[in-house]
Amino acid sequence: MAAVAATAWRALRRVGLGAAAGPRGSFRPGGSWLGWPSSGGGDRSSPEARRLCTSPALLLAARRFTDKHEWISVENGIGTIGISNFAQEALGDVVYCSLPEIGTKLNKQDEFGALESVKAASEIYSPITGEVTDINTALADNPGLVNKSCYQDGWLIKMTVDNPSELDDLLTEDAYEKYIKSIEE
């Protein structure tokens, strides 16, 4: 969560709100930031400031992506992995998810499962090296969660992050969006 807060703080600084806001600050409607001095410029009660603090795009900025359309977000040394919105749209309605067992050790770029839809099937690859600590069991009964909420309820697995430097090799949200635009042309 610290990474999300730091990303939010950097975004707020870009629009002139960072002098009074920091990674520990949180917005309270009415215009004050909790835990930080109230001076420093910027209109912290503006709709723009509130949008920046709650925007799904801002939260997405903490995710990293592969060129095969998997994403990962890391909190407390555990990575949550899923597929991107682009991937779920390309697949169509997901009807089956094949996921690994808890305890499975994966190397970066290892295939760890597959998603099947009415249109196609697609393998899923690990963006990092680690061990599977959890699988999204809700997908067994409701694989369509991948389509409805690919970044929230439709996550696939959680795993340890054995080599944090591997995250540096992945695409940021901005880089991933540029990549998507380049392959759509």
N, C-alpha and C. Protein backbone atom coordinates (compact mmCIF):
# COMPACT_ATOMS: atom_id res chain seq x y z
N MET A 1 0.81 -1.18 0.00
CA MET A 1 0.00 0.00 0.00
C MET A 1 0.86 1.25 0.00
N ALA A 2 2.06 1.16 0.56
CA ALA A 2 2.95 2.31 0.59
C ALA A 2 3.29 2.76 -0.83
N ALA A 3 3.43 1.80 -1.74
CA ALA A 3 3.74 2.16 -3.13
C ALA A 3 2.58 2.94 -3.75
N VAL A 4 1.35 2.56 -3.44
CA VAL A 4 0.19 3.28 -3.96
C VAL A 4 0.16 4.69 -3.39
N ALA A 5 0.43 4.82 -2.08
CA ALA A 5 0.44 6.14 -1.46
C ALA A 5 1.53 7.02 -2.05
N ALA A 6 2.71 6.45 -2.26
CA ALA A 6 3.80 7.22 -2.85
C ALA A 6 3.46 7.65 -4.27
N THR A 7 2.82 6.77 -5.03
CA THR A 7 2.41 7.12 -6.39
C THR A 7 1.37 8.23 -6.36
N ALA A 8 0.43 8.15 -5.43
CA ALA A 8 -0.58 9.20 -5.28
C ALA A 8 0.08 10.52 -4.94
N TRP A 9 1.04 10.50 -4.06
CA TRP A 9 1.73 11.71 -3.66
C TRP A 9 2.44 12.34 -4.85
N ARG A 10 3.13 11.51 -5.66
CA ARG A 10 3.82 12.05 -6.84
C ARG A 10 2.82 12.68 -7.81
N ALA A 11 1.68 12.03 -8.01
CA ALA A 11 0.67 12.58 -8.91
C ALA A 11 0.13 13.90 -8.39
N LEU A 12 -0.08 14.00 -7.10
CA LEU A 12 -0.58 15.24 -6.52
C LEU A 12 0.45 16.36 -6.63
N ARG A 13 1.72 16.03 -6.48
CA ARG A 13 2.77 17.05 -6.62
C ARG A 13 2.77 17.62 -8.03
N ARG A 14 2.51 16.78 -9.03
CA ARG A 14 2.51 17.25 -10.41
C ARG A 14 1.44 18.31 -10.65
N VAL A 15 0.36 18.27 -9.89
CA VAL A 15 -0.68 19.28 -10.07
C VAL A 15 -0.62 20.36 -8.99
N GLY A 16 0.51 20.44 -8.28
CA GLY A 16 0.73 21.52 -7.33
C GLY A 16 0.15 21.29 -5.96
N LEU A 17 -0.14 20.06 -5.60
CA LEU A 17 -0.73 19.79 -4.29
C LEU A 17 0.23 19.08 -3.35
N GLY A 18 1.41 18.75 -3.81
CA GLY A 18 2.31 17.91 -3.02
C GLY A 18 2.98 18.59 -1.85
N ALA A 19 3.03 19.91 -1.80
CA ALA A 19 3.71 20.57 -0.69
C ALA A 19 3.02 20.28 0.63
N ALA A 20 1.73 20.12 0.60
CA ALA A 20 1.00 19.86 1.84
C ALA A 20 0.58 18.41 1.96
N ALA A 21 0.83 17.64 0.93
CA ALA A 21 0.41 16.24 0.95
C ALA A 21 1.64 15.36 0.88
N GLY A 22 1.54 14.20 1.43
CA GLY A 22 2.64 13.25 1.37
C GLY A 22 2.09 11.86 1.42
N PRO A 23 2.96 10.87 1.36
CA PRO A 23 2.47 9.50 1.29
C PRO A 23 1.65 9.07 2.50
N ARG A 24 1.79 9.74 3.64
CA ARG A 24 0.98 9.37 4.79
C ARG A 24 -0.32 10.17 4.87
N GLY A 25 -0.41 11.24 4.10
CA GLY A 25 -1.60 12.08 4.14
C GLY A 25 -2.77 11.40 3.49
N SER A 26 -3.96 11.73 3.93
CA SER A 26 -5.15 11.21 3.27
C SER A 26 -6.16 12.33 3.16
N PHE A 27 -6.90 12.33 2.10
CA PHE A 27 -7.84 13.42 1.84
C PHE A 27 -9.09 13.25 2.67
N ARG A 28 -9.54 14.34 3.24
CA ARG A 28 -10.81 14.36 3.95
C ARG A 28 -11.68 15.39 3.27
N PRO A 29 -12.87 15.03 2.77
CA PRO A 29 -13.72 16.02 2.12
C PRO A 29 -13.86 17.26 3.01
N GLY A 30 -13.83 18.41 2.38
CA GLY A 30 -13.85 19.65 3.11
C GLY A 30 -12.52 20.36 3.00
N GLY A 31 -11.53 19.69 2.44
CA GLY A 31 -10.32 20.38 2.08
C GLY A 31 -9.12 20.21 2.96
N SER A 32 -9.08 19.28 3.89
CA SER A 32 -7.86 19.14 4.69
C SER A 32 -7.23 17.79 4.45
N TRP A 33 -5.95 17.75 4.62
CA TRP A 33 -5.17 16.53 4.51
C TRP A 33 -4.81 16.11 5.91
N LEU A 34 -5.09 14.90 6.27
CA LEU A 34 -4.80 14.43 7.62
C LEU A 34 -3.33 14.09 7.75
N GLY A 35 -2.73 14.56 8.82
CA GLY A 35 -1.35 14.19 9.11
C GLY A 35 -0.31 15.10 8.50
N TRP A 36 -0.71 16.16 7.79
CA TRP A 36 0.25 17.06 7.16
C TRP A 36 -0.17 18.49 7.42
N PRO A 37 0.78 19.42 7.42
CA PRO A 37 0.44 20.83 7.62
C PRO A 37 -0.52 21.30 6.54
N SER A 38 -1.32 22.31 6.87
CA SER A 38 -2.31 22.78 5.91
C SER A 38 -1.77 23.83 4.96
N SER A 39 -0.54 24.29 5.14
CA SER A 39 0.02 25.28 4.21
C SER A 39 0.73 24.58 3.08
N GLY A 40 1.00 25.31 2.01
CA GLY A 40 1.79 24.72 0.95
C GLY A 40 1.20 24.90 -0.43
N GLY A 41 0.07 25.53 -0.55
CA GLY A 41 -0.44 25.81 -1.89
C GLY A 41 -1.27 24.67 -2.44
N GLY A 42 -1.96 24.97 -3.51
CA GLY A 42 -2.81 23.97 -4.14
C GLY A 42 -4.16 23.92 -3.46
N ASP A 43 -5.18 23.72 -4.23
CA ASP A 43 -6.53 23.64 -3.68
C ASP A 43 -6.85 22.19 -3.43
N ARG A 44 -6.65 21.76 -2.19
CA ARG A 44 -6.82 20.35 -1.85
C ARG A 44 -8.28 19.94 -1.77
N SER A 45 -9.20 20.89 -1.82
CA SER A 45 -10.61 20.53 -1.77
C SER A 45 -11.23 20.48 -3.17
N SER A 46 -10.42 20.72 -4.18
CA SER A 46 -10.95 20.76 -5.54
C SER A 46 -11.39 19.38 -6.01
N PRO A 47 -12.32 19.33 -6.95
CA PRO A 47 -12.72 18.04 -7.52
C PRO A 47 -11.53 17.30 -8.13
N GLU A 48 -10.58 18.06 -8.71
CA GLU A 48 -9.39 17.43 -9.30
C GLU A 48 -8.58 16.69 -8.25
N ALA A 49 -8.41 17.32 -7.08
CA ALA A 49 -7.65 16.67 -6.01
C ALA A 49 -8.37 15.41 -5.54
N ARG A 50 -9.68 15.50 -5.38
CA ARG A 50 -10.42 14.31 -4.94
C ARG A 50 -10.36 13.21 -6.00
N ARG A 51 -10.45 13.59 -7.28
CA ARG A 51 -10.37 12.60 -8.36
C ARG A 51 -9.01 11.92 -8.35
N LEU A 52 -7.96 12.70 -8.15
CA LEU A 52 -6.62 12.11 -8.12
C LEU A 52 -6.47 11.11 -6.99
N CYS A 53 -7.10 11.38 -5.86
CA CYS A 53 -6.95 10.51 -4.70
C CYS A 53 -7.75 9.22 -4.84
N THR A 54 -8.80 9.23 -5.63
CA THR A 54 -9.67 8.07 -5.71
C THR A 54 -9.74 7.45 -7.09
N SER A 55 -9.00 7.98 -8.02
CA SER A 55 -9.07 7.52 -9.40
C SER A 55 -8.59 6.09 -9.56
N PRO A 56 -9.37 5.22 -10.26
CA PRO A 56 -8.87 3.88 -10.56
C PRO A 56 -7.57 3.94 -11.35
N ALA A 57 -7.42 4.96 -12.19
CA ALA A 57 -6.18 5.08 -12.97
C ALA A 57 -4.99 5.31 -12.05
N LEU A 58 -5.18 6.08 -10.98
CA LEU A 58 -4.09 6.31 -10.04
C LEU A 58 -3.75 5.02 -9.32
N LEU A 59 -4.76 4.29 -8.89
CA LEU A 59 -4.50 3.02 -8.22
C LEU A 59 -3.82 2.04 -9.17
N LEU A 60 -4.19 2.10 -10.44
CA LEU A 60 -3.61 1.23 -11.44
C LEU A 60 -2.13 1.53 -11.66
N ALA A 61 -1.73 2.78 -11.39
CA ALA A 61 -0.34 3.18 -11.61
C ALA A 61 0.63 2.34 -10.79
N ALA A 62 0.17 1.75 -9.70
CA ALA A 62 1.04 0.93 -8.86
C ALA A 62 1.24 -0.46 -9.46
N ARG A 63 0.47 -0.82 -10.44
CA ARG A 63 0.61 -2.13 -11.07
C ARG A 63 1.71 -2.08 -12.12
N ARG A 64 2.29 -3.24 -12.34
CA ARG A 64 3.26 -3.43 -13.43
C ARG A 64 2.66 -4.46 -14.36
N PHE A 65 3.05 -4.39 -15.63
CA PHE A 65 2.46 -5.23 -16.66
C PHE A 65 3.53 -5.94 -17.47
N THR A 66 3.16 -7.09 -18.05
CA THR A 66 4.03 -7.79 -18.99
C THR A 66 3.54 -7.49 -20.40
N ASP A 67 4.38 -7.79 -21.37
CA ASP A 67 3.94 -7.61 -22.76
C ASP A 67 2.99 -8.73 -23.19
N LYS A 68 2.77 -9.71 -22.30
CA LYS A 68 1.79 -10.77 -22.57
C LYS A 68 0.47 -10.48 -21.85
N HIS A 69 0.38 -9.29 -21.24
CA HIS A 69 -0.87 -8.75 -20.68
C HIS A 69 -1.22 -9.26 -19.29
N GLU A 70 -0.25 -9.77 -18.55
CA GLU A 70 -0.47 -10.04 -17.13
C GLU A 70 -0.10 -8.78 -16.35
N TRP A 71 -0.71 -8.61 -15.19
CA TRP A 71 -0.35 -7.51 -14.29
C TRP A 71 0.03 -8.07 -12.94
N ILE A 72 0.78 -7.29 -12.18
CA ILE A 72 1.12 -7.64 -10.81
C ILE A 72 1.11 -6.38 -9.96
N SER A 73 0.57 -6.50 -8.77
CA SER A 73 0.70 -5.45 -7.76
C SER A 73 1.25 -6.13 -6.51
N VAL A 74 2.15 -5.44 -5.83
CA VAL A 74 2.85 -6.04 -4.69
C VAL A 74 2.54 -5.28 -3.42
N GLU A 75 2.22 -6.04 -2.38
CA GLU A 75 2.01 -5.47 -1.06
C GLU A 75 2.60 -6.42 -0.03
N ASN A 76 3.49 -5.90 0.80
CA ASN A 76 4.13 -6.69 1.86
C ASN A 76 4.81 -7.95 1.33
N GLY A 77 5.47 -7.84 0.20
CA GLY A 77 6.23 -8.95 -0.36
C GLY A 77 5.41 -10.01 -1.07
N ILE A 78 4.11 -9.79 -1.20
CA ILE A 78 3.23 -10.74 -1.91
C ILE A 78 2.69 -10.05 -3.15
N GLY A 79 2.85 -10.70 -4.29
CA GLY A 79 2.35 -10.17 -5.55
C GLY A 79 1.00 -10.77 -5.89
N THR A 80 0.08 -9.92 -6.27
CA THR A 80 -1.23 -10.36 -6.77
C THR A 80 -1.17 -10.23 -8.29
N ILE A 81 -1.56 -11.30 -8.98
CA ILE A 81 -1.41 -11.36 -10.43
C ILE A 81 -2.76 -11.59 -11.09
N GLY A 82 -2.96 -10.93 -12.22
CA GLY A 82 -4.16 -11.10 -13.01
C GLY A 82 -3.86 -10.75 -14.46
N ILE A 83 -4.91 -10.65 -15.26
CA ILE A 83 -4.72 -10.23 -16.65
C ILE A 83 -5.28 -8.83 -16.83
N SER A 84 -4.77 -8.14 -17.82
CA SER A 84 -5.16 -6.75 -18.06
C SER A 84 -6.55 -6.66 -18.68
N ASN A 85 -7.08 -5.46 -18.64
CA ASN A 85 -8.36 -5.20 -19.28
C ASN A 85 -8.30 -5.49 -20.78
N PHE A 86 -7.18 -5.12 -21.40
CA PHE A 86 -6.99 -5.40 -22.83
C PHE A 86 -7.12 -6.90 -23.09
N ALA A 87 -6.47 -7.71 -22.24
CA ALA A 87 -6.49 -9.17 -22.42
C ALA A 87 -7.89 -9.74 -22.23
N GLN A 88 -8.59 -9.29 -21.18
CA GLN A 88 -9.92 -9.86 -20.95
C GLN A 88 -10.88 -9.46 -22.05
N GLU A 89 -10.73 -8.24 -22.60
CA GLU A 89 -11.58 -7.84 -23.72
C GLU A 89 -11.29 -8.68 -24.96
N ALA A 90 -10.01 -8.96 -25.19
CA ALA A 90 -9.63 -9.77 -26.35
C ALA A 90 -10.13 -11.21 -26.22
N LEU A 91 -10.10 -11.74 -25.00
CA LEU A 91 -10.56 -13.11 -24.77
C LEU A 91 -12.07 -13.25 -24.93
N GLY A 92 -12.80 -12.28 -24.49
CA GLY A 92 -14.25 -12.42 -24.44
C GLY A 92 -14.66 -13.06 -23.12
N ASP A 93 -15.87 -13.55 -23.06
CA ASP A 93 -16.42 -14.08 -21.80
C ASP A 93 -15.65 -15.31 -21.34
N VAL A 94 -14.94 -15.17 -20.21
CA VAL A 94 -14.16 -16.28 -19.65
C VAL A 94 -15.12 -17.29 -19.02
N VAL A 95 -14.95 -18.57 -19.41
CA VAL A 95 -15.83 -19.62 -18.91
C VAL A 95 -15.10 -20.65 -18.05
N TYR A 96 -13.76 -20.62 -18.07
CA TYR A 96 -12.99 -21.59 -17.28
C TYR A 96 -11.61 -21.03 -16.98
N CYS A 97 -11.16 -21.26 -15.74
CA CYS A 97 -9.82 -20.83 -15.31
C CYS A 97 -9.06 -22.05 -14.80
N SER A 98 -7.89 -22.28 -15.34
CA SER A 98 -7.00 -23.33 -14.84
C SER A 98 -5.86 -22.64 -14.11
N LEU A 99 -5.76 -22.89 -12.80
CA LEU A 99 -4.76 -22.22 -11.98
C LEU A 99 -3.89 -23.25 -11.26
N PRO A 100 -2.68 -22.87 -10.85
CA PRO A 100 -1.78 -23.82 -10.18
C PRO A 100 -2.21 -24.08 -8.74
N GLU A 101 -1.58 -25.06 -8.13
CA GLU A 101 -1.83 -25.35 -6.72
C GLU A 101 -1.01 -24.42 -5.85
N ILE A 102 -1.51 -24.15 -4.66
CA ILE A 102 -0.73 -23.39 -3.69
C ILE A 102 0.54 -24.17 -3.40
N GLY A 103 1.66 -23.47 -3.32
CA GLY A 103 2.96 -24.10 -3.10
C GLY A 103 3.76 -24.30 -4.37
N THR A 104 3.11 -24.12 -5.53
CA THR A 104 3.82 -24.25 -6.80
C THR A 104 4.88 -23.17 -6.91
N LYS A 105 6.10 -23.58 -7.25
CA LYS A 105 7.19 -22.63 -7.45
C LYS A 105 7.25 -22.26 -8.93
N LEU A 106 7.31 -20.97 -9.19
CA LEU A 106 7.32 -20.48 -10.57
C LEU A 106 8.54 -19.61 -10.81
N ASN A 107 9.12 -19.75 -11.98
CA ASN A 107 10.16 -18.84 -12.43
C ASN A 107 9.50 -17.78 -13.30
N LYS A 108 10.19 -16.67 -13.44
CA LYS A 108 9.70 -15.61 -14.30
C LYS A 108 9.43 -16.18 -15.69
N GLN A 109 8.29 -15.87 -16.25
CA GLN A 109 7.82 -16.27 -17.58
C GLN A 109 7.39 -17.74 -17.67
N ASP A 110 7.32 -18.45 -16.54
CA ASP A 110 6.76 -19.80 -16.55
C ASP A 110 5.25 -19.72 -16.80
N GLU A 111 4.74 -20.66 -17.59
CA GLU A 111 3.29 -20.77 -17.77
C GLU A 111 2.73 -21.35 -16.48
N PHE A 112 1.68 -20.73 -15.93
CA PHE A 112 1.11 -21.26 -14.69
C PHE A 112 -0.37 -21.58 -14.78
N GLY A 113 -0.98 -21.35 -15.91
CA GLY A 113 -2.39 -21.66 -16.03
C GLY A 113 -2.92 -21.23 -17.38
N ALA A 114 -4.25 -21.28 -17.49
CA ALA A 114 -4.90 -20.89 -18.74
C ALA A 114 -6.29 -20.35 -18.44
N LEU A 115 -6.73 -19.49 -19.32
CA LEU A 115 -8.10 -18.98 -19.29
C LEU A 115 -8.76 -19.40 -20.58
N GLU A 116 -9.98 -19.93 -20.48
CA GLU A 116 -10.73 -20.32 -21.66
C GLU A 116 -11.98 -19.47 -21.75
N SER A 117 -12.27 -19.04 -22.97
CA SER A 117 -13.47 -18.25 -23.20
C SER A 117 -14.26 -18.90 -24.33
N VAL A 118 -15.37 -18.29 -24.66
CA VAL A 118 -16.17 -18.81 -25.77
C VAL A 118 -15.45 -18.60 -27.09
N LYS A 119 -14.49 -17.66 -27.14
CA LYS A 119 -13.77 -17.35 -28.38
C LYS A 119 -12.40 -18.01 -28.47
N ALA A 120 -11.72 -18.18 -27.33
CA ALA A 120 -10.31 -18.60 -27.39
C ALA A 120 -9.86 -19.15 -26.05
N ALA A 121 -8.64 -19.65 -26.05
CA ALA A 121 -7.96 -20.04 -24.81
C ALA A 121 -6.63 -19.31 -24.79
N SER A 122 -6.18 -18.96 -23.60
CA SER A 122 -4.93 -18.22 -23.49
C SER A 122 -4.15 -18.70 -22.28
N GLU A 123 -2.87 -18.95 -22.48
CA GLU A 123 -2.00 -19.32 -21.37
C GLU A 123 -1.70 -18.08 -20.54
N ILE A 124 -1.38 -18.31 -19.26
CA ILE A 124 -1.02 -17.22 -18.36
C ILE A 124 0.40 -17.47 -17.89
N TYR A 125 1.21 -16.41 -17.87
CA TYR A 125 2.63 -16.53 -17.53
C TYR A 125 2.95 -15.72 -16.29
N SER A 126 3.87 -16.24 -15.49
CA SER A 126 4.29 -15.55 -14.27
C SER A 126 5.18 -14.36 -14.61
N PRO A 127 4.85 -13.18 -14.11
CA PRO A 127 5.70 -12.02 -14.37
C PRO A 127 6.98 -12.00 -13.53
N ILE A 128 7.02 -12.83 -12.47
CA ILE A 128 8.16 -12.84 -11.56
C ILE A 128 8.43 -14.26 -11.08
N THR A 129 9.52 -14.41 -10.34
CA THR A 129 9.87 -15.68 -9.69
C THR A 129 9.31 -15.68 -8.27
N GLY A 130 8.70 -16.80 -7.87
CA GLY A 130 8.17 -16.90 -6.51
C GLY A 130 7.37 -18.17 -6.34
N GLU A 131 6.71 -18.25 -5.19
CA GLU A 131 5.90 -19.42 -4.86
C GLU A 131 4.44 -18.98 -4.69
N VAL A 132 3.53 -19.75 -5.26
CA VAL A 132 2.11 -19.45 -5.18
C VAL A 132 1.65 -19.61 -3.73
N THR A 133 1.06 -18.55 -3.18
CA THR A 133 0.58 -18.57 -1.80
C THR A 133 -0.94 -18.61 -1.71
N ASP A 134 -1.62 -18.26 -2.79
CA ASP A 134 -3.08 -18.23 -2.78
C ASP A 134 -3.58 -18.26 -4.22
N ILE A 135 -4.75 -18.84 -4.41
CA ILE A 135 -5.42 -18.78 -5.71
C ILE A 135 -6.82 -18.22 -5.48
N ASN A 136 -7.36 -17.60 -6.49
CA ASN A 136 -8.69 -17.02 -6.39
C ASN A 136 -9.72 -18.13 -6.61
N THR A 137 -10.15 -18.74 -5.52
CA THR A 137 -11.09 -19.86 -5.60
C THR A 137 -12.47 -19.43 -6.11
N ALA A 138 -12.78 -18.14 -6.01
CA ALA A 138 -14.08 -17.65 -6.50
C ALA A 138 -14.20 -17.85 -8.01
N LEU A 139 -13.07 -17.95 -8.70
CA LEU A 139 -13.11 -18.11 -10.16
C LEU A 139 -13.60 -19.49 -10.58
N ALA A 140 -13.53 -20.48 -9.69
CA ALA A 140 -14.03 -21.81 -10.03
C ALA A 140 -15.54 -21.77 -10.31
N ASP A 141 -16.27 -21.04 -9.48
CA ASP A 141 -17.72 -20.92 -9.65
C ASP A 141 -18.12 -19.74 -10.53
N ASN A 142 -17.25 -18.74 -10.61
CA ASN A 142 -17.61 -17.53 -11.35
C ASN A 142 -16.40 -17.00 -12.13
N PRO A 143 -15.99 -17.73 -13.19
CA PRO A 143 -14.83 -17.28 -13.97
C PRO A 143 -15.05 -15.94 -14.65
N GLY A 144 -16.29 -15.53 -14.81
CA GLY A 144 -16.61 -14.25 -15.42
C GLY A 144 -16.12 -13.05 -14.60
N LEU A 145 -15.69 -13.29 -13.35
CA LEU A 145 -15.11 -12.20 -12.56
C LEU A 145 -13.89 -11.61 -13.25
N VAL A 146 -13.20 -12.43 -14.03
CA VAL A 146 -12.04 -11.94 -14.78
C VAL A 146 -12.48 -10.83 -15.73
N ASN A 147 -13.66 -10.98 -16.33
CA ASN A 147 -14.18 -9.96 -17.24
C ASN A 147 -14.77 -8.77 -16.49
N LYS A 148 -15.50 -9.07 -15.44
CA LYS A 148 -16.22 -8.00 -14.73
C LYS A 148 -15.30 -7.12 -13.90
N SER A 149 -14.20 -7.69 -13.40
CA SER A 149 -13.37 -6.96 -12.44
C SER A 149 -11.93 -7.47 -12.50
N CYS A 150 -11.29 -7.31 -13.65
CA CYS A 150 -9.97 -7.93 -13.84
C CYS A 150 -8.90 -7.39 -12.90
N TYR A 151 -9.06 -6.17 -12.38
CA TYR A 151 -8.06 -5.59 -11.49
C TYR A 151 -8.44 -5.70 -10.01
N GLN A 152 -9.62 -6.20 -9.72
CA GLN A 152 -10.07 -6.27 -8.33
C GLN A 152 -10.43 -7.72 -7.99
N ASP A 153 -11.69 -8.08 -8.20
CA ASP A 153 -12.18 -9.41 -7.81
C ASP A 153 -11.73 -10.52 -8.74
N GLY A 154 -11.27 -10.18 -9.94
CA GLY A 154 -10.88 -11.19 -10.92
C GLY A 154 -9.40 -11.51 -10.94
N TRP A 155 -8.68 -11.21 -9.84
CA TRP A 155 -7.26 -11.59 -9.77
C TRP A 155 -7.15 -13.11 -9.85
N LEU A 156 -5.97 -13.61 -10.22
CA LEU A 156 -5.80 -15.04 -10.44
C LEU A 156 -5.06 -15.73 -9.29
N ILE A 157 -3.83 -15.29 -9.03
CA ILE A 157 -3.03 -15.91 -7.97
C ILE A 157 -2.31 -14.84 -7.16
N LYS A 158 -1.84 -15.26 -5.99
CA LYS A 158 -0.92 -14.45 -5.19
C LYS A 158 0.33 -15.29 -5.01
N MET A 159 1.48 -14.61 -5.00
CA MET A 159 2.74 -15.34 -4.86
C MET A 159 3.79 -14.48 -4.18
N THR A 160 4.79 -15.15 -3.62
CA THR A 160 5.91 -14.44 -3.02
C THR A 160 6.70 -13.75 -4.12
N VAL A 161 7.40 -12.70 -3.75
CA VAL A 161 8.27 -11.99 -4.69
C VAL A 161 9.69 -12.35 -4.28
N ASP A 162 10.25 -13.38 -4.92
CA ASP A 162 11.58 -13.86 -4.55
C ASP A 162 12.69 -12.93 -4.99
N ASN A 163 12.49 -12.23 -6.10
CA ASN A 163 13.51 -11.34 -6.63
C ASN A 163 12.86 -10.00 -7.00
N PRO A 164 12.78 -9.06 -6.04
CA PRO A 164 12.10 -7.79 -6.30
C PRO A 164 12.64 -7.02 -7.50
N SER A 165 13.90 -7.23 -7.85
CA SER A 165 14.46 -6.49 -8.99
C SER A 165 13.78 -6.89 -10.31
N GLU A 166 13.13 -8.07 -10.36
CA GLU A 166 12.41 -8.47 -11.57
C GLU A 166 11.25 -7.52 -11.88
N LEU A 167 10.73 -6.86 -10.86
CA LEU A 167 9.64 -5.91 -11.08
C LEU A 167 10.08 -4.75 -11.94
N ASP A 168 11.37 -4.42 -11.87
CA ASP A 168 11.90 -3.31 -12.67
C ASP A 168 11.87 -3.60 -14.16
N ASP A 169 11.82 -4.88 -14.53
CA ASP A 169 11.78 -5.27 -15.94
C ASP A 169 10.38 -5.16 -16.54
N LEU A 170 9.38 -4.95 -15.69
CA LEU A 170 7.99 -4.90 -16.15
C LEU A 170 7.60 -3.49 -16.56
N LEU A 171 6.51 -3.39 -17.30
CA LEU A 171 6.04 -2.11 -17.81
C LEU A 171 5.22 -1.36 -16.76
N THR A 172 5.43 -0.06 -16.68
CA THR A 172 4.55 0.78 -15.87
C THR A 172 3.21 0.89 -16.60
N GLU A 173 2.23 1.46 -15.93
CA GLU A 173 0.93 1.64 -16.59
C GLU A 173 1.07 2.47 -17.85
N ASP A 174 1.80 3.58 -17.76
CA ASP A 174 1.97 4.44 -18.94
C ASP A 174 2.65 3.70 -20.08
N ALA A 175 3.71 2.97 -19.76
CA ALA A 175 4.43 2.22 -20.80
C ALA A 175 3.53 1.14 -21.39
N TYR A 176 2.72 0.49 -20.55
CA TYR A 176 1.81 -0.54 -21.04
C TYR A 176 0.75 0.07 -21.96
N GLU A 177 0.21 1.21 -21.59
CA GLU A 177 -0.78 1.87 -22.45
C GLU A 177 -0.18 2.22 -23.81
N LYS A 178 1.06 2.69 -23.82
CA LYS A 178 1.74 2.99 -25.09
C LYS A 178 1.95 1.71 -25.89
N TYR A 179 2.30 0.63 -25.20
CA TYR A 179 2.49 -0.66 -25.86
C TYR A 179 1.17 -1.11 -26.51
N ILE A 180 0.07 -0.99 -25.78
CA ILE A 180 -1.24 -1.38 -26.31
C ILE A 180 -1.57 -0.56 -27.55
N LYS A 181 -1.34 0.73 -27.49
CA LYS A 181 -1.62 1.59 -28.65
C LYS A 181 -0.77 1.18 -29.84
N SER A 182 0.48 0.79 -29.59
CA SER A 182 1.36 0.40 -30.70
C SER A 182 0.91 -0.90 -31.37
N ILE A 183 0.35 -1.83 -30.60
CA ILE A 183 -0.08 -3.08 -31.21
C ILE A 183 -1.48 -2.98 -31.82
N GLU A 184 -2.24 -1.96 -31.42
CA GLU A 184 -3.56 -1.76 -32.01
C GLU A 184 -3.50 -1.07 -33.36
N GLU A 185 -2.38 -0.42 -33.66
CA GLU A 185 -2.25 0.33 -34.91
C GLU A 185 -1.98 -0.56 -36.09
